[in-house]
Amino acid sequence: MVFHGVDVKKQFKRMRELAPEAYRSFLEFDGKAFAAGALPLKTKELVAVGIAHITQCPWCIDAHVARAAKAGATDQEIGEVIFVAMAMAAGAAWSHGGLALQCLEEHPA
């Protein structure tokens, strides 16, 4: 897989070579975070799809859409998650607009 001109497989292998213990620890943590628990895997993957859109990570979008589908998520569920992410991003911009207006009050021209 190549995103933004990065050969992911090659570069992740290099990351593992440069910091094998940290790399292994991250994979262990990731595995535990996504293990079924109070939330089933499908739900966790749908959450990850939404977050991947907010963080704008194409690698995460690709990986978690595939994992969500494998866990049983439907196209409609994934589509709805995208719109939830869009609403959250718009809501964050809206609320930060209030911060900007407050900054104007605190820093008059």
PDB file of N, CA and C in Angstrom:
ATOM      1  N   MET A   1       0.841  -1.173   0.000  1.00  0.00           N
ATOM      2  CA  MET A   1       0.000   0.000   0.000  1.00  0.00           C
ATOM      3  C   MET A   1       0.893   1.246   0.000  1.00  0.00           C
ATOM      4  N   VAL A   2       0.541   2.214  -0.839  1.00  0.00           N
ATOM      5  CA  VAL A   2       1.303   3.459  -0.914  1.00  0.00           C
ATOM      6  C   VAL A   2       0.344   4.627  -0.743  1.00  0.00           C
ATOM      7  N   PHE A   3       0.588   5.460   0.259  1.00  0.00           N
ATOM      8  CA  PHE A   3      -0.156   6.707   0.467  1.00  0.00           C
ATOM      9  C   PHE A   3       0.866   7.828   0.550  1.00  0.00           C
ATOM     10  N   HIS A   4       0.582   8.936  -0.071  1.00  0.00           N
ATOM     11  CA  HIS A   4       1.475  10.096  -0.032  1.00  0.00           C
ATOM     12  C   HIS A   4       2.893   9.715  -0.444  1.00  0.00           C
ATOM     13  N   GLY A   5       3.024   8.757  -1.362  1.00  0.00           N
ATOM     14  CA  GLY A   5       4.335   8.356  -1.835  1.00  0.00           C
ATOM     15  C   GLY A   5       5.130   7.497  -0.861  1.00  0.00           C
ATOM     16  N   VAL A   6       4.501   7.042   0.225  1.00  0.00           N
ATOM     17  CA  VAL A   6       5.190   6.245   1.236  1.00  0.00           C
ATOM     18  C   VAL A   6       4.869   4.770   1.029  1.00  0.00           C
ATOM     19  N   ASP A   7       5.900   3.969   0.893  1.00  0.00           N
ATOM     20  CA  ASP A   7       5.740   2.515   0.830  1.00  0.00           C
ATOM     21  C   ASP A   7       5.583   2.036   2.268  1.00  0.00           C
ATOM     22  N   VAL A   8       4.345   1.872   2.699  1.00  0.00           N
ATOM     23  CA  VAL A   8       4.032   1.583   4.097  1.00  0.00           C
ATOM     24  C   VAL A   8       4.718   0.310   4.574  1.00  0.00           C
ATOM     25  N   LYS A   9       4.619  -0.750   3.795  1.00  0.00           N
ATOM     26  CA  LYS A   9       5.211  -2.020   4.213  1.00  0.00           C
ATOM     27  C   LYS A   9       6.713  -1.862   4.448  1.00  0.00           C
ATOM     28  N   LYS A  10       7.379  -1.216   3.532  1.00  0.00           N
ATOM     29  CA  LYS A  10       8.826  -1.022   3.647  1.00  0.00           C
ATOM     30  C   LYS A  10       9.174  -0.144   4.851  1.00  0.00           C
ATOM     31  N   GLN A  11       8.452   0.940   5.022  1.00  0.00           N
ATOM     32  CA  GLN A  11       8.800   1.889   6.084  1.00  0.00           C
ATOM     33  C   GLN A  11       8.413   1.377   7.468  1.00  0.00           C
ATOM     34  N   PHE A  12       7.306   0.631   7.558  1.00  0.00           N
ATOM     35  CA  PHE A  12       6.957   0.035   8.854  1.00  0.00           C
ATOM     36  C   PHE A  12       7.983  -1.017   9.251  1.00  0.00           C
ATOM     37  N   LYS A  13       8.495  -1.738   8.259  1.00  0.00           N
ATOM     38  CA  LYS A  13       9.562  -2.699   8.542  1.00  0.00           C
ATOM     39  C   LYS A  13      10.782  -1.952   9.082  1.00  0.00           C
ATOM     40  N   ARG A  14      11.093  -0.828   8.488  1.00  0.00           N
ATOM     41  CA  ARG A  14      12.234  -0.019   8.946  1.00  0.00           C
ATOM     42  C   ARG A  14      11.989   0.488  10.364  1.00  0.00           C
ATOM     43  N   MET A  15      10.765   0.935  10.658  1.00  0.00           N
ATOM     44  CA  MET A  15      10.442   1.369  12.020  1.00  0.00           C
ATOM     45  C   MET A  15      10.693   0.244  13.011  1.00  0.00           C
ATOM     46  N   ARG A  16      10.260  -0.958  12.631  1.00  0.00           N
ATOM     47  CA  ARG A  16      10.449  -2.120  13.506  1.00  0.00           C
ATOM     48  C   ARG A  16      11.936  -2.388  13.723  1.00  0.00           C
ATOM     49  N   GLU A  17      12.735  -2.233  12.686  1.00  0.00           N
ATOM     50  CA  GLU A  17      14.181  -2.441  12.807  1.00  0.00           C
ATOM     51  C   GLU A  17      14.831  -1.390  13.697  1.00  0.00           C
ATOM     52  N   LEU A  18      14.379  -0.157  13.594  1.00  0.00           N
ATOM     53  CA  LEU A  18      14.985   0.946  14.348  1.00  0.00           C
ATOM     54  C   LEU A  18      14.621   0.920  15.829  1.00  0.00           C
ATOM     55  N   ALA A  19      13.398   0.490  16.135  1.00  0.00           N
ATOM     56  CA  ALA A  19      12.936   0.481  17.533  1.00  0.00           C
ATOM     57  C   ALA A  19      12.068  -0.754  17.768  1.00  0.00           C
ATOM     58  N   PRO A  20      12.686  -1.924  17.777  1.00  0.00           N
ATOM     59  CA  PRO A  20      11.890  -3.161  17.834  1.00  0.00           C
ATOM     60  C   PRO A  20      11.037  -3.300  19.086  1.00  0.00           C
ATOM     61  N   GLU A  21      11.541  -2.899  20.227  1.00  0.00           N
ATOM     62  CA  GLU A  21      10.771  -3.048  21.458  1.00  0.00           C
ATOM     63  C   GLU A  21       9.565  -2.111  21.465  1.00  0.00           C
ATOM     64  N   ALA A  22       9.765  -0.866  21.073  1.00  0.00           N
ATOM     65  CA  ALA A  22       8.654   0.092  21.013  1.00  0.00           C
ATOM     66  C   ALA A  22       7.630  -0.353  19.971  1.00  0.00           C
ATOM     67  N   TYR A  23       8.114  -0.842  18.842  1.00  0.00           N
ATOM     68  CA  TYR A  23       7.227  -1.312  17.785  1.00  0.00           C
ATOM     69  C   TYR A  23       6.357  -2.459  18.284  1.00  0.00           C
ATOM     70  N   ARG A  24       6.993  -3.427  18.909  1.00  0.00           N
ATOM     71  CA  ARG A  24       6.272  -4.594  19.454  1.00  0.00           C
ATOM     72  C   ARG A  24       5.268  -4.142  20.524  1.00  0.00           C
ATOM     73  N   SER A  25       5.690  -3.215  21.372  1.00  0.00           N
ATOM     74  CA  SER A  25       4.800  -2.722  22.430  1.00  0.00           C
ATOM     75  C   SER A  25       3.575  -2.033  21.846  1.00  0.00           C
ATOM     76  N   PHE A  26       3.777  -1.250  20.781  1.00  0.00           N
ATOM     77  CA  PHE A  26       2.636  -0.592  20.150  1.00  0.00           C
ATOM     78  C   PHE A  26       1.665  -1.629  19.594  1.00  0.00           C
ATOM     79  N   LEU A  27       2.188  -2.633  18.909  1.00  0.00           N
ATOM     80  CA  LEU A  27       1.305  -3.661  18.348  1.00  0.00           C
ATOM     81  C   LEU A  27       0.550  -4.413  19.437  1.00  0.00           C
ATOM     82  N   GLU A  28       1.214  -4.684  20.556  1.00  0.00           N
ATOM     83  CA  GLU A  28       0.540  -5.350  21.683  1.00  0.00           C
ATOM     84  C   GLU A  28      -0.564  -4.462  22.243  1.00  0.00           C
ATOM     85  N   PHE A  29      -0.261  -3.181  22.437  1.00  0.00           N
ATOM     86  CA  PHE A  29      -1.255  -2.228  22.931  1.00  0.00           C
ATOM     87  C   PHE A  29      -2.439  -2.140  21.967  1.00  0.00           C
ATOM     88  N   ASP A  30      -2.140  -2.006  20.677  1.00  0.00           N
ATOM     89  CA  ASP A  30      -3.187  -1.913  19.668  1.00  0.00           C
ATOM     90  C   ASP A  30      -4.079  -3.153  19.712  1.00  0.00           C
ATOM     91  N   GLY A  31      -3.467  -4.315  19.832  1.00  0.00           N
ATOM     92  CA  GLY A  31      -4.236  -5.556  19.906  1.00  0.00           C
ATOM     93  C   GLY A  31      -5.149  -5.587  21.117  1.00  0.00           C
ATOM     94  N   LYS A  32      -4.650  -5.111  22.242  1.00  0.00           N
ATOM     95  CA  LYS A  32      -5.469  -5.094  23.460  1.00  0.00           C
ATOM     96  C   LYS A  32      -6.578  -4.045  23.368  1.00  0.00           C
ATOM     97  N   ALA A  33      -6.268  -2.892  22.781  1.00  0.00           N
ATOM     98  CA  ALA A  33      -7.274  -1.840  22.651  1.00  0.00           C
ATOM     99  C   ALA A  33      -8.438  -2.293  21.768  1.00  0.00           C
ATOM    100  N   PHE A  34      -8.135  -3.106  20.759  1.00  0.00           N
ATOM    101  CA  PHE A  34      -9.168  -3.545  19.829  1.00  0.00           C
ATOM    102  C   PHE A  34      -9.750  -4.908  20.176  1.00  0.00           C
ATOM    103  N   ALA A  35      -9.312  -5.512  21.254  1.00  0.00           N
ATOM    104  CA  ALA A  35      -9.888  -6.796  21.666  1.00  0.00           C
ATOM    105  C   ALA A  35     -11.333  -6.582  22.115  1.00  0.00           C
ATOM    106  N   ALA A  36     -12.176  -7.536  21.799  1.00  0.00           N
ATOM    107  CA  ALA A  36     -13.574  -7.447  22.237  1.00  0.00           C
ATOM    108  C   ALA A  36     -13.616  -7.391  23.757  1.00  0.00           C
ATOM    109  N   GLY A  37     -14.458  -6.546  24.269  1.00  0.00           N
ATOM    110  CA  GLY A  37     -14.639  -6.395  25.706  1.00  0.00           C
ATOM    111  C   GLY A  37     -16.050  -5.894  25.931  1.00  0.00           C
ATOM    112  N   ALA A  38     -16.191  -4.785  26.655  1.00  0.00           N
ATOM    113  CA  ALA A  38     -17.511  -4.185  26.840  1.00  0.00           C
ATOM    114  C   ALA A  38     -18.087  -3.757  25.486  1.00  0.00           C
ATOM    115  N   LEU A  39     -17.206  -3.386  24.567  1.00  0.00           N
ATOM    116  CA  LEU A  39     -17.616  -3.072  23.201  1.00  0.00           C
ATOM    117  C   LEU A  39     -17.144  -4.193  22.281  1.00  0.00           C
ATOM    118  N   PRO A  40     -17.998  -4.635  21.385  1.00  0.00           N
ATOM    119  CA  PRO A  40     -17.562  -5.658  20.433  1.00  0.00           C
ATOM    120  C   PRO A  40     -16.603  -5.059  19.400  1.00  0.00           C
ATOM    121  N   LEU A  41     -15.827  -5.918  18.758  1.00  0.00           N
ATOM    122  CA  LEU A  41     -14.831  -5.486  17.777  1.00  0.00           C
ATOM    123  C   LEU A  41     -15.453  -4.601  16.700  1.00  0.00           C
ATOM    124  N   LYS A  42     -16.612  -4.959  16.195  1.00  0.00           N
ATOM    125  CA  LYS A  42     -17.246  -4.164  15.136  1.00  0.00           C
ATOM    126  C   LYS A  42     -17.454  -2.724  15.596  1.00  0.00           C
ATOM    127  N   THR A  43     -17.923  -2.538  16.806  1.00  0.00           N
ATOM    128  CA  THR A  43     -18.154  -1.190  17.327  1.00  0.00           C
ATOM    129  C   THR A  43     -16.832  -0.434  17.444  1.00  0.00           C
ATOM    130  N   LYS A  44     -15.810  -1.104  17.965  1.00  0.00           N
ATOM    131  CA  LYS A  44     -14.501  -0.456  18.101  1.00  0.00           C
ATOM    132  C   LYS A  44     -13.954  -0.044  16.733  1.00  0.00           C
ATOM    133  N   GLU A  45     -14.134  -0.892  15.738  1.00  0.00           N
ATOM    134  CA  GLU A  45     -13.648  -0.551  14.398  1.00  0.00           C
ATOM    135  C   GLU A  45     -14.441   0.599  13.791  1.00  0.00           C
ATOM    136  N   LEU A  46     -15.738   0.659  14.038  1.00  0.00           N
ATOM    137  CA  LEU A  46     -16.528   1.798  13.552  1.00  0.00           C
ATOM    138  C   LEU A  46     -16.089   3.092  14.230  1.00  0.00           C
ATOM    139  N   VAL A  47     -15.804   3.030  15.515  1.00  0.00           N
ATOM    140  CA  VAL A  47     -15.269   4.202  16.222  1.00  0.00           C
ATOM    141  C   VAL A  47     -13.940   4.616  15.576  1.00  0.00           C
ATOM    142  N   ALA A  48     -13.091   3.636  15.303  1.00  0.00           N
ATOM    143  CA  ALA A  48     -11.788   3.926  14.697  1.00  0.00           C
ATOM    144  C   ALA A  48     -11.943   4.559  13.313  1.00  0.00           C
ATOM    145  N   VAL A  49     -12.922   4.129  12.546  1.00  0.00           N
ATOM    146  CA  VAL A  49     -13.165   4.739  11.233  1.00  0.00           C
ATOM    147  C   VAL A  49     -13.500   6.221  11.398  1.00  0.00           C
ATOM    148  N   GLY A  50     -14.381   6.516  12.349  1.00  0.00           N
ATOM    149  CA  GLY A  50     -14.740   7.919  12.590  1.00  0.00           C
ATOM    150  C   GLY A  50     -13.541   8.741  13.040  1.00  0.00           C
ATOM    151  N   ILE A  51     -12.770   8.213  13.960  1.00  0.00           N
ATOM    152  CA  ILE A  51     -11.591   8.931  14.455  1.00  0.00           C
ATOM    153  C   ILE A  51     -10.566   9.108  13.339  1.00  0.00           C
ATOM    154  N   ALA A  52     -10.400   8.094  12.506  1.00  0.00           N
ATOM    155  CA  ALA A  52      -9.451   8.198  11.398  1.00  0.00           C
ATOM    156  C   ALA A  52      -9.814   9.342  10.457  1.00  0.00           C
ATOM    157  N   HIS A  53     -11.109   9.581  10.297  1.00  0.00           N
ATOM    158  CA  HIS A  53     -11.526  10.715   9.475  1.00  0.00           C
ATOM    159  C   HIS A  53     -11.214  12.039  10.164  1.00  0.00           C
ATOM    160  N   ILE A  54     -11.401  12.099  11.460  1.00  0.00           N
ATOM    161  CA  ILE A  54     -11.108  13.331  12.201  1.00  0.00           C
ATOM    162  C   ILE A  54      -9.606  13.623  12.194  1.00  0.00           C
ATOM    163  N   THR A  55      -8.785  12.570  12.364  1.00  0.00           N
ATOM    164  CA  THR A  55      -7.332  12.770  12.362  1.00  0.00           C
ATOM    165  C   THR A  55      -6.781  12.843  10.940  1.00  0.00           C
ATOM    166  N   GLN A  56      -7.639  12.577   9.967  1.00  0.00           N
ATOM    167  CA  GLN A  56      -7.302  12.652   8.543  1.00  0.00           C
ATOM    168  C   GLN A  56      -6.115  11.762   8.187  1.00  0.00           C
ATOM    169  N   CYS A  57      -6.148  10.547   8.684  1.00  0.00           N
ATOM    170  CA  CYS A  57      -5.072   9.593   8.438  1.00  0.00           C
ATOM    171  C   CYS A  57      -5.506   8.593   7.367  1.00  0.00           C
ATOM    172  N   PRO A  58      -4.986   8.703   6.135  1.00  0.00           N
ATOM    173  CA  PRO A  58      -5.414   7.785   5.082  1.00  0.00           C
ATOM    174  C   PRO A  58      -5.057   6.330   5.381  1.00  0.00           C
ATOM    175  N   TRP A  59      -3.940   6.091   6.055  1.00  0.00           N
ATOM    176  CA  TRP A  59      -3.566   4.720   6.410  1.00  0.00           C
ATOM    177  C   TRP A  59      -4.596   4.129   7.380  1.00  0.00           C
ATOM    178  N   CYS A  60      -4.989   4.925   8.370  1.00  0.00           N
ATOM    179  CA  CYS A  60      -5.969   4.457   9.359  1.00  0.00           C
ATOM    180  C   CYS A  60      -7.332   4.244   8.716  1.00  0.00           C
ATOM    181  N   ILE A  61      -7.723   5.146   7.829  1.00  0.00           N
ATOM    182  CA  ILE A  61      -9.005   4.977   7.136  1.00  0.00           C
ATOM    183  C   ILE A  61      -9.000   3.655   6.387  1.00  0.00           C
ATOM    184  N   ASP A  62      -7.949   3.407   5.609  1.00  0.00           N
ATOM    185  CA  ASP A  62      -7.855   2.179   4.832  1.00  0.00           C
ATOM    186  C   ASP A  62      -7.894   0.954   5.738  1.00  0.00           C
ATOM    187  N   ALA A  63      -7.065   0.951   6.772  1.00  0.00           N
ATOM    188  CA  ALA A  63      -6.968  -0.221   7.651  1.00  0.00           C
ATOM    189  C   ALA A  63      -8.263  -0.464   8.409  1.00  0.00           C
ATOM    190  N   HIS A  64      -8.856   0.590   8.974  1.00  0.00           N
ATOM    191  CA  HIS A  64     -10.018   0.387   9.837  1.00  0.00           C
ATOM    192  C   HIS A  64     -11.315   0.189   9.060  1.00  0.00           C
ATOM    193  N   VAL A  65     -11.412   0.726   7.846  1.00  0.00           N
ATOM    194  CA  VAL A  65     -12.574   0.388   7.012  1.00  0.00           C
ATOM    195  C   VAL A  65     -12.514  -1.097   6.674  1.00  0.00           C
ATOM    196  N   ALA A  66     -11.341  -1.584   6.305  1.00  0.00           N
ATOM    197  CA  ALA A  66     -11.206  -3.017   6.001  1.00  0.00           C
ATOM    198  C   ALA A  66     -11.503  -3.864   7.229  1.00  0.00           C
ATOM    199  N   ARG A  67     -10.976  -3.464   8.384  1.00  0.00           N
ATOM    200  CA  ARG A  67     -11.197  -4.240   9.606  1.00  0.00           C
ATOM    201  C   ARG A  67     -12.657  -4.174  10.046  1.00  0.00           C
ATOM    202  N   ALA A  68     -13.299  -3.000   9.869  1.00  0.00           N
ATOM    203  CA  ALA A  68     -14.714  -2.873  10.238  1.00  0.00           C
ATOM    204  C   ALA A  68     -15.569  -3.776   9.355  1.00  0.00           C
ATOM    205  N   ALA A  69     -15.294  -3.783   8.065  1.00  0.00           N
ATOM    206  CA  ALA A  69     -16.051  -4.640   7.148  1.00  0.00           C
ATOM    207  C   ALA A  69     -15.841  -6.111   7.509  1.00  0.00           C
ATOM    208  N   LYS A  70     -14.609  -6.473   7.808  1.00  0.00           N
ATOM    209  CA  LYS A  70     -14.315  -7.855   8.194  1.00  0.00           C
ATOM    210  C   LYS A  70     -15.041  -8.235   9.487  1.00  0.00           C
ATOM    211  N   ALA A  71     -15.230  -7.241  10.384  1.00  0.00           N
ATOM    212  CA  ALA A  71     -15.917  -7.492  11.652  1.00  0.00           C
ATOM    213  C   ALA A  71     -17.435  -7.470  11.496  1.00  0.00           C
ATOM    214  N   GLY A  72     -17.916  -7.251  10.265  1.00  0.00           N
ATOM    215  CA  GLY A  72     -19.352  -7.307  10.017  1.00  0.00           C
ATOM    216  C   GLY A  72     -20.042  -5.981   9.803  1.00  0.00           C
ATOM    217  N   ALA A  73     -19.292  -4.887   9.774  1.00  0.00           N
ATOM    218  CA  ALA A  73     -19.913  -3.578   9.535  1.00  0.00           C
ATOM    219  C   ALA A  73     -20.411  -3.507   8.096  1.00  0.00           C
ATOM    220  N   THR A  74     -21.574  -2.914   7.935  1.00  0.00           N
ATOM    221  CA  THR A  74     -22.150  -2.763   6.600  1.00  0.00           C
ATOM    222  C   THR A  74     -21.663  -1.458   5.974  1.00  0.00           C
ATOM    223  N   ASP A  75     -21.847  -1.358   4.666  1.00  0.00           N
ATOM    224  CA  ASP A  75     -21.515  -0.110   3.974  1.00  0.00           C
ATOM    225  C   ASP A  75     -22.301   1.052   4.574  1.00  0.00           C
ATOM    226  N   GLN A  76     -23.574   0.805   4.895  1.00  0.00           N
ATOM    227  CA  GLN A  76     -24.413   1.861   5.471  1.00  0.00           C
ATOM    228  C   GLN A  76     -23.867   2.301   6.830  1.00  0.00           C
ATOM    229  N   GLU A  77     -23.439   1.369   7.673  1.00  0.00           N
ATOM    230  CA  GLU A  77     -22.877   1.732   8.980  1.00  0.00           C
ATOM    231  C   GLU A  77     -21.615   2.568   8.807  1.00  0.00           C
ATOM    232  N   ILE A  78     -20.757   2.158   7.881  1.00  0.00           N
ATOM    233  CA  ILE A  78     -19.529   2.918   7.645  1.00  0.00           C
ATOM    234  C   ILE A  78     -19.871   4.298   7.093  1.00  0.00           C
ATOM    235  N   GLY A  79     -20.838   4.372   6.194  1.00  0.00           N
ATOM    236  CA  GLY A  79     -21.272   5.664   5.665  1.00  0.00           C
ATOM    237  C   GLY A  79     -21.802   6.585   6.748  1.00  0.00           C
ATOM    238  N   GLU A  80     -22.585   6.041   7.664  1.00  0.00           N
ATOM    239  CA  GLU A  80     -23.116   6.866   8.755  1.00  0.00           C
ATOM    240  C   GLU A  80     -22.005   7.345   9.684  1.00  0.00           C
ATOM    241  N   VAL A  81     -21.022   6.491   9.926  1.00  0.00           N
ATOM    242  CA  VAL A  81     -19.900   6.888  10.774  1.00  0.00           C
ATOM    243  C   VAL A  81     -19.154   8.069  10.152  1.00  0.00           C
ATOM    244  N   ILE A  82     -19.005   8.051   8.832  1.00  0.00           N
ATOM    245  CA  ILE A  82     -18.328   9.170   8.156  1.00  0.00           C
ATOM    246  C   ILE A  82     -19.082  10.466   8.421  1.00  0.00           C
ATOM    247  N   PHE A  83     -20.404  10.430   8.364  1.00  0.00           N
ATOM    248  CA  PHE A  83     -21.189  11.645   8.610  1.00  0.00           C
ATOM    249  C   PHE A  83     -21.135  12.072  10.071  1.00  0.00           C
ATOM    250  N   VAL A  84     -21.060  11.115  10.985  1.00  0.00           N
ATOM    251  CA  VAL A  84     -20.872  11.470  12.401  1.00  0.00           C
ATOM    252  C   VAL A  84     -19.535  12.188  12.563  1.00  0.00           C
ATOM    253  N   ALA A  85     -18.484  11.665  11.922  1.00  0.00           N
ATOM    254  CA  ALA A  85     -17.176  12.315  11.996  1.00  0.00           C
ATOM    255  C   ALA A  85     -17.239  13.726  11.416  1.00  0.00           C
ATOM    256  N   MET A  86     -17.944  13.876  10.305  1.00  0.00           N
ATOM    257  CA  MET A  86     -18.092  15.203   9.702  1.00  0.00           C
ATOM    258  C   MET A  86     -18.797  16.161  10.660  1.00  0.00           C
ATOM    259  N   ALA A  87     -19.844  15.684  11.312  1.00  0.00           N
ATOM    260  CA  ALA A  87     -20.580  16.525  12.256  1.00  0.00           C
ATOM    261  C   ALA A  87     -19.694  16.918  13.432  1.00  0.00           C
ATOM    262  N   MET A  88     -18.877  15.970  13.910  1.00  0.00           N
ATOM    263  CA  MET A  88     -17.982  16.271  15.032  1.00  0.00           C
ATOM    264  C   MET A  88     -16.945  17.313  14.636  1.00  0.00           C
ATOM    265  N   ALA A  89     -16.393  17.206  13.427  1.00  0.00           N
ATOM    266  CA  ALA A  89     -15.401  18.175  12.968  1.00  0.00           C
ATOM    267  C   ALA A  89     -16.033  19.555  12.812  1.00  0.00           C
ATOM    268  N   ALA A  90     -17.242  19.581  12.254  1.00  0.00           N
ATOM    269  CA  ALA A  90     -17.932  20.868  12.098  1.00  0.00           C
ATOM    270  C   ALA A  90     -18.272  21.455  13.454  1.00  0.00           C
ATOM    271  N   GLY A  91     -18.695  20.603  14.384  1.00  0.00           N
ATOM    272  CA  GLY A  91     -19.010  21.077  15.732  1.00  0.00           C
ATOM    273  C   GLY A  91     -17.782  21.650  16.425  1.00  0.00           C
ATOM    274  N   ALA A  92     -16.630  21.014  16.215  1.00  0.00           N
ATOM    275  CA  ALA A  92     -15.399  21.521  16.819  1.00  0.00           C
ATOM    276  C   ALA A  92     -15.048  22.891  16.239  1.00  0.00           C
ATOM    277  N   ALA A  93     -15.193  23.049  14.932  1.00  0.00           N
ATOM    278  CA  ALA A  93     -14.921  24.350  14.317  1.00  0.00           C
ATOM    279  C   ALA A  93     -15.891  25.406  14.840  1.00  0.00           C
ATOM    280  N   TRP A  94     -17.148  25.009  15.002  1.00  0.00           N
ATOM    281  CA  TRP A  94     -18.162  25.931  15.509  1.00  0.00           C
ATOM    282  C   TRP A  94     -17.805  26.384  16.918  1.00  0.00           C
ATOM    283  N   SER A  95     -17.501  25.435  17.804  1.00  0.00           N
ATOM    284  CA  SER A  95     -17.201  25.811  19.179  1.00  0.00           C
ATOM    285  C   SER A  95     -15.902  26.611  19.268  1.00  0.00           C
ATOM    286  N   HIS A  96     -14.951  26.326  18.405  1.00  0.00           N
ATOM    287  CA  HIS A  96     -13.716  27.109  18.406  1.00  0.00           C
ATOM    288  C   HIS A  96     -13.959  28.519  17.868  1.00  0.00           C
ATOM    289  N   GLY A  97     -15.039  28.679  17.109  1.00  0.00           N
ATOM    290  CA  GLY A  97     -15.420  30.027  16.679  1.00  0.00           C
ATOM    291  C   GLY A  97     -15.717  30.905  17.881  1.00  0.00           C
ATOM    292  N   GLY A  98     -16.346  30.313  18.908  1.00  0.00           N
ATOM    293  CA  GLY A  98     -16.590  31.062  20.140  1.00  0.00           C
ATOM    294  C   GLY A  98     -15.290  31.443  20.812  1.00  0.00           C
ATOM    295  N   LEU A  99     -14.307  30.566  20.775  1.00  0.00           N
ATOM    296  CA  LEU A  99     -12.992  30.871  21.330  1.00  0.00           C
ATOM    297  C   LEU A  99     -12.356  32.038  20.574  1.00  0.00           C
ATOM    298  N   ALA A 100     -12.458  32.005  19.246  1.00  0.00           N
ATOM    299  CA  ALA A 100     -11.899  33.090  18.445  1.00  0.00           C
ATOM    300  C   ALA A 100     -12.546  34.433  18.792  1.00  0.00           C
ATOM    301  N   LEU A 101     -13.871  34.424  18.960  1.00  0.00           N
ATOM    302  CA  LEU A 101     -14.556  35.671  19.310  1.00  0.00           C
ATOM    303  C   LEU A 101     -14.143  36.156  20.694  1.00  0.00           C
ATOM    304  N   GLN A 102     -13.962  35.229  21.633  1.00  0.00           N
ATOM    305  CA  GLN A 102     -13.487  35.608  22.965  1.00  0.00           C
ATOM    306  C   GLN A 102     -12.078  36.191  22.886  1.00  0.00           C
ATOM    307  N   CYS A 103     -11.234  35.601  22.037  1.00  0.00           N
ATOM    308  CA  CYS A 103      -9.882  36.142  21.856  1.00  0.00           C
ATOM    309  C   CYS A 103      -9.934  37.571  21.320  1.00  0.00           C
ATOM    310  N   LEU A 104     -10.878  37.843  20.429  1.00  0.00           N
ATOM    311  CA  LEU A 104     -11.048  39.206  19.930  1.00  0.00           C
ATOM    312  C   LEU A 104     -11.363  40.169  21.064  1.00  0.00           C
ATOM    313  N   GLU A 105     -12.213  39.723  21.991  1.00  0.00           N
ATOM    314  CA  GLU A 105     -12.564  40.564  23.147  1.00  0.00           C
ATOM    315  C   GLU A 105     -11.352  40.797  24.045  1.00  0.00           C
ATOM    316  N   GLU A 106     -10.503  39.803  24.193  1.00  0.00           N
ATOM    317  CA  GLU A 106      -9.341  39.903  25.068  1.00  0.00           C
ATOM    318  C   GLU A 106      -8.179  40.642  24.419  1.00  0.00           C
ATOM    319  N   HIS A 107      -8.188  40.734  23.094  1.00  0.00           N
ATOM    320  CA  HIS A 107      -7.107  41.394  22.346  1.00  0.00           C
ATOM    321  C   HIS A 107      -7.701  42.398  21.377  1.00  0.00           C
ATOM    322  N   PRO A 108      -8.304  43.452  21.891  1.00  0.00           N
ATOM    323  CA  PRO A 108      -8.929  44.433  20.977  1.00  0.00           C
ATOM    324  C   PRO A 108      -7.859  45.117  20.110  1.00  0.00           C
ATOM    325  N   ALA A 109      -8.303  45.549  18.938  1.00  0.00           N
ATOM    326  CA  ALA A 109      -7.386  46.220  17.993  1.00  0.00           C
ATOM    327  C   ALA A 109      -6.858  47.519  18.535  1.00  0.00           C
TER     328      ALA A 109
END
